[in-house]
């Protein structure tokens, strides 16, 4: 099954390299245009085929392990423990949303400030870092809460 994962990885890397070639050498794309369409089509077929192969082989592996499922069953999580885990994840979720809302206007304003006065780059990076710090604080709170559970 690892060979299918490697095949999918090679197909994705081929697509990335093709995009880089098109981005870095736009004049070369005109000469290689006849070559790109069959190459990308082949990569797409290989990727989809590998996905289907992983689906079939993964399904067989999952169905073959039925006796170990009953033996390796973990103790059930109670309702209170489940709610505690959800409660530990809420600070990260809310702080990440807040950081995303903060970074948008700050990023736009910092780009405008940098275009007018390039020496303000350091200050604008500090403001962006403070906005991203909100998400890090939420992650720290969640980690501390999980350690208490």
Protein backbone atom coordinates (compact mmCIF):
# COMPACT_ATOMS: atom_id res chain seq x y z
CA UNK A 1 0.00 0.00 0.00
CA UNK A 2 2.98 2.30 0.52
CA UNK A 3 3.75 2.23 -3.17
CA UNK A 4 0.33 3.75 -3.88
CA UNK A 5 1.01 6.57 -1.44
CA UNK A 6 4.40 7.12 -3.12
CA UNK A 7 2.71 7.14 -6.53
CA UNK A 8 0.20 9.76 -5.37
CA UNK A 9 3.00 11.83 -3.88
CA UNK A 10 4.93 11.74 -7.15
CA UNK A 11 1.82 12.80 -9.07
CA UNK A 12 1.28 15.76 -6.74
CA UNK A 13 4.96 16.73 -6.92
CA UNK A 14 4.75 16.59 -10.71
CA UNK A 15 1.81 18.98 -10.66
CA UNK A 16 3.66 21.34 -8.32
CA UNK A 17 6.79 21.28 -10.48
CA UNK A 18 4.69 21.96 -13.56
CA UNK A 19 3.15 24.97 -11.87
CA UNK A 20 6.57 26.23 -10.84
CA UNK A 21 7.88 25.88 -14.40
CA UNK A 22 4.89 27.78 -15.73
CA UNK A 23 5.34 30.50 -13.11
CA UNK A 24 9.09 30.94 -13.39
CA UNK A 25 9.44 30.49 -17.15
CA UNK A 26 6.30 31.78 -18.87
CA UNK A 27 7.99 31.84 -22.27
CA UNK A 28 8.80 28.15 -22.02
CA UNK A 29 5.12 27.35 -21.58
CA UNK A 30 4.41 28.35 -25.18
CA UNK A 31 6.98 25.85 -26.48
CA UNK A 32 5.90 23.07 -24.12
CA UNK A 33 2.14 23.58 -24.51
CA UNK A 34 1.73 20.41 -26.61
CA UNK A 35 3.53 18.45 -23.91
CA UNK A 36 1.64 19.81 -20.89
CA UNK A 37 -1.84 18.56 -21.71
CA UNK A 38 -0.91 14.85 -22.03
CA UNK A 39 1.44 15.07 -19.04
CA UNK A 40 -1.16 16.65 -16.78
CA UNK A 41 -3.79 14.20 -18.00
CA UNK A 42 -1.49 11.29 -17.22
CA UNK A 43 -0.75 12.66 -13.76
CA UNK A 44 -4.47 13.07 -13.09
CA UNK A 45 -5.20 9.50 -14.20
CA UNK A 46 -2.35 8.15 -12.04
CA UNK A 47 -3.57 10.14 -9.03
CA UNK A 48 -7.20 9.01 -9.37
CA UNK A 49 -6.10 5.41 -9.98
CA UNK A 50 -3.92 5.48 -6.88
CA UNK A 51 -6.81 6.92 -4.87
CA UNK A 52 -9.08 4.09 -6.02
CA UNK A 53 -6.36 1.56 -5.25
CA UNK A 54 -5.95 2.94 -1.75
CA UNK A 55 -9.70 2.83 -1.28
CA UNK A 56 -9.92 -0.82 -2.31
CA UNK A 57 -6.80 -1.96 -0.44
CA UNK A 58 -7.64 0.11 2.61
CA UNK A 59 -11.14 -1.36 2.67
CA UNK A 60 -9.68 -4.87 2.56
CA UNK A 61 -7.30 -4.06 5.41
CA UNK A 62 -10.11 -2.61 7.50
CA UNK A 63 -12.38 -5.61 6.93
CA UNK A 64 -9.58 -8.09 7.68
CA UNK A 65 -9.04 -6.75 11.22
CA UNK A 66 -12.44 -7.58 12.73
CA UNK A 67 -11.19 -9.80 15.58
CA UNK A 68 -8.79 -7.18 16.88
CA UNK A 69 -11.51 -4.55 17.04
CA UNK A 70 -13.29 -6.21 19.97
CA UNK A 71 -10.03 -6.95 21.79
CA UNK A 72 -8.55 -3.49 21.42
CA UNK A 73 -11.69 -1.57 22.32
CA UNK A 74 -10.82 1.35 24.53
CA UNK A 75 -12.98 2.17 27.51
CA UNK A 76 -15.87 4.39 26.58
CA UNK A 77 -15.61 8.09 27.15
CA UNK A 78 -18.33 9.40 29.43
CA UNK A 79 -20.53 12.33 28.51
CA UNK A 80 -18.78 14.53 31.03
CA UNK A 81 -15.33 13.69 29.61
CA UNK A 82 -16.54 14.37 26.08
CA UNK A 83 -17.93 17.74 27.09
CA UNK A 84 -14.68 18.53 28.91
CA UNK A 85 -12.65 17.78 25.77
CA UNK A 86 -14.97 19.92 23.66
CA UNK A 87 -14.69 22.68 26.25
CA UNK A 88 -10.91 22.46 26.08
CA UNK A 89 -11.00 22.96 22.32
CA UNK A 90 -13.34 25.95 22.37
CA UNK A 91 -10.65 28.50 23.41
CA UNK A 92 -8.49 27.52 20.44
CA UNK A 93 -11.42 27.74 18.05
CA UNK A 94 -12.65 31.12 19.21
CA UNK A 95 -9.18 32.64 19.47
CA UNK A 96 -8.26 31.43 16.00
CA UNK A 97 -11.40 32.98 14.54
CA UNK A 98 -10.65 36.21 16.41
CA UNK A 99 -7.06 36.22 15.15
CA UNK A 100 -8.27 35.70 11.59
CA UNK A 101 -10.70 38.60 11.92
CA UNK A 102 -7.91 40.78 13.36
CA UNK A 103 -5.25 39.88 10.80
CA UNK A 104 -7.40 40.83 7.80
CA UNK A 105 -7.74 44.58 8.45
CA UNK A 106 -4.30 44.82 10.04
CA UNK A 107 -2.70 43.17 7.01
CA UNK A 108 -4.51 45.48 4.60
CA UNK A 109 -3.61 48.55 6.61
CA UNK A 110 0.01 47.46 6.95
CA UNK A 111 0.31 46.96 3.19
CA UNK A 112 -1.05 50.45 2.64
CA UNK A 113 1.36 51.88 5.22
CA UNK A 114 4.34 50.06 3.71
CA UNK A 115 3.59 51.35 0.22
CA UNK A 116 3.53 54.92 1.50
CA UNK A 117 6.46 54.62 3.90
CA UNK A 118 8.59 51.42 3.56
CA UNK A 119 10.48 52.03 6.81
CA UNK A 120 7.27 51.17 8.75
CA UNK A 121 7.66 47.48 7.91
CA UNK A 122 8.93 46.58 11.39
CA UNK A 123 6.03 48.24 13.15
CA UNK A 124 3.45 46.61 10.94
CA UNK A 125 5.01 43.18 11.53
CA UNK A 126 4.73 43.78 15.27
CA UNK A 127 1.02 44.58 14.91
CA UNK A 128 0.50 41.44 12.83
CA UNK A 129 2.39 39.41 15.42
CA UNK A 130 0.18 40.77 18.20
CA UNK A 131 -2.91 39.76 16.26
CA UNK A 132 -1.54 36.26 15.69
CA UNK A 133 -0.64 36.06 19.36
CA UNK A 134 -4.34 35.88 20.14
CA UNK A 135 -4.50 32.44 18.52
CA UNK A 136 -1.40 31.29 20.38
CA UNK A 137 -2.91 32.37 23.71
CA UNK A 138 -6.02 30.33 22.96
CA UNK A 139 -3.85 27.31 22.11
CA UNK A 140 -1.94 27.66 25.38
CA UNK A 141 -5.20 27.85 27.34
CA UNK A 142 -6.47 24.72 25.58
CA UNK A 143 -3.24 22.84 26.35
CA UNK A 144 -3.48 23.84 30.00
CA UNK A 145 -7.11 22.71 30.14
CA UNK A 146 -6.31 19.36 28.53
CA UNK A 147 -3.55 18.78 31.09
CA UNK A 148 -6.15 19.27 33.85
CA UNK A 149 -8.56 16.69 32.36
